[in-house]
């Protein structure tokens, strides 16, 4: 039987949302699915709407990866052609 306590712990605490983000209507998520439209919070604290292209929270060996690829989603709903990548800091707006 494979132990998953470390992954369970990361899922629980990795998705903890800061009070300020909750106040602004955002909830943190750890494991978006390919094709999901979510928000990415950059280092400046700005939320951008994106579409997940690929990536993973845990590697195939159970180690934390959290590296993703995405494209920006413009205000008109069109998608940027430029693919971006980085470590996940993804959010949803539950009330939308």
Protein backbone atom coordinates (compact mmCIF):
# COMPACT_ATOMS: atom_id res chain seq x y z
CA UNK A 1 0.00 0.00 0.00
CA UNK A 2 1.44 3.34 -1.05
CA UNK A 3 1.45 6.04 1.64
CA UNK A 4 0.07 9.38 0.50
CA UNK A 5 0.20 11.41 3.71
CA UNK A 6 2.69 13.89 2.24
CA UNK A 7 0.51 14.53 -0.83
CA UNK A 8 -2.58 14.84 1.37
CA UNK A 9 -0.79 17.37 3.56
CA UNK A 10 0.35 19.41 0.55
CA UNK A 11 -3.14 19.41 -0.94
CA UNK A 12 -4.64 20.63 2.33
CA UNK A 13 -2.14 23.36 3.14
CA UNK A 14 -1.10 24.20 -0.43
CA UNK A 15 -4.62 25.39 -1.17
CA UNK A 16 -4.83 27.64 1.90
CA UNK A 17 -6.07 31.02 0.68
CA UNK A 18 -4.81 34.25 2.22
CA UNK A 19 -7.51 36.42 3.83
CA UNK A 20 -6.88 39.31 1.42
CA UNK A 21 -7.41 37.05 -1.62
CA UNK A 22 -10.62 35.64 -0.11
CA UNK A 23 -11.83 39.18 0.57
CA UNK A 24 -11.28 39.96 -3.13
CA UNK A 25 -13.30 36.90 -4.17
CA UNK A 26 -10.49 34.48 -5.05
CA UNK A 27 -9.97 30.94 -3.72
CA UNK A 28 -6.63 29.16 -4.19
CA UNK A 29 -6.48 25.79 -5.96
CA UNK A 30 -3.56 23.41 -6.34
CA UNK A 31 -4.47 21.01 -9.11
CA UNK A 32 -6.25 22.60 -12.06
CA UNK A 33 -7.10 20.37 -14.98
CA UNK A 34 -5.89 20.85 -18.54
CA UNK A 35 -8.22 23.26 -20.31
CA UNK A 36 -9.42 24.93 -17.09
CA UNK A 37 -9.79 28.71 -17.13
CA UNK A 38 -8.43 30.02 -13.82
CA UNK A 39 -6.57 33.03 -12.47
CA UNK A 40 -2.81 33.19 -12.01
CA UNK A 41 -1.42 35.46 -9.30
CA UNK A 42 1.96 36.81 -10.40
CA UNK A 43 4.80 38.00 -8.15
CA UNK A 44 3.36 41.52 -8.14
CA UNK A 45 0.08 40.18 -6.76
CA UNK A 46 -1.85 40.81 -9.98
CA UNK A 47 -4.44 38.22 -11.05
CA UNK A 48 -4.51 37.28 -14.74
CA UNK A 49 -7.09 35.04 -16.40
CA UNK A 50 -5.38 32.05 -18.01
CA UNK A 51 -6.07 28.66 -19.56
CA UNK A 52 -4.07 25.67 -18.29
CA UNK A 53 -2.28 23.87 -21.15
CA UNK A 54 -0.23 21.27 -19.26
CA UNK A 55 1.69 20.63 -16.08
CA UNK A 56 1.34 18.80 -12.81
CA UNK A 57 1.13 19.35 -9.09
CA UNK A 58 2.79 16.03 -8.26
CA UNK A 59 5.21 14.16 -10.50
CA UNK A 60 4.61 10.55 -11.51
CA UNK A 61 6.80 9.56 -8.57
CA UNK A 62 4.71 11.46 -6.01
CA UNK A 63 7.14 14.35 -5.59
CA UNK A 64 5.91 17.93 -5.57
CA UNK A 65 6.34 19.51 -8.99
CA UNK A 66 3.76 22.33 -9.28
CA UNK A 67 5.16 23.40 -12.65
CA UNK A 68 2.63 24.42 -15.31
CA UNK A 69 2.18 25.83 -18.81
CA UNK A 70 -0.65 28.21 -19.74
CA UNK A 71 -1.85 30.86 -22.16
CA UNK A 72 -3.40 34.20 -21.21
CA UNK A 73 -7.12 34.66 -21.81
CA UNK A 74 -7.99 38.12 -23.12
CA UNK A 75 -11.02 40.13 -21.99
CA UNK A 76 -12.88 39.15 -25.18
CA UNK A 77 -12.28 35.45 -24.38
CA UNK A 78 -9.63 34.92 -27.05
CA UNK A 79 -6.44 33.14 -26.09
CA UNK A 80 -2.91 34.43 -26.45
CA UNK A 81 -0.65 32.48 -28.79
CA UNK A 82 2.29 32.87 -26.40
CA UNK A 83 2.65 30.01 -23.96
CA UNK A 84 3.86 30.92 -20.48
CA UNK A 85 5.13 28.70 -17.70
CA UNK A 86 5.92 28.78 -14.03
CA UNK A 87 5.12 27.45 -10.62
CA UNK A 88 1.44 27.32 -9.79
CA UNK A 89 -0.33 30.08 -7.93
CA UNK A 90 -3.83 29.47 -9.26
CA UNK A 91 -7.19 30.72 -8.11
CA UNK A 92 -10.87 30.49 -8.98
CA UNK A 93 -13.67 32.96 -8.34
CA UNK A 94 -16.30 30.72 -6.72
CA UNK A 95 -19.09 33.30 -7.08
CA UNK A 96 -18.80 33.47 -10.89
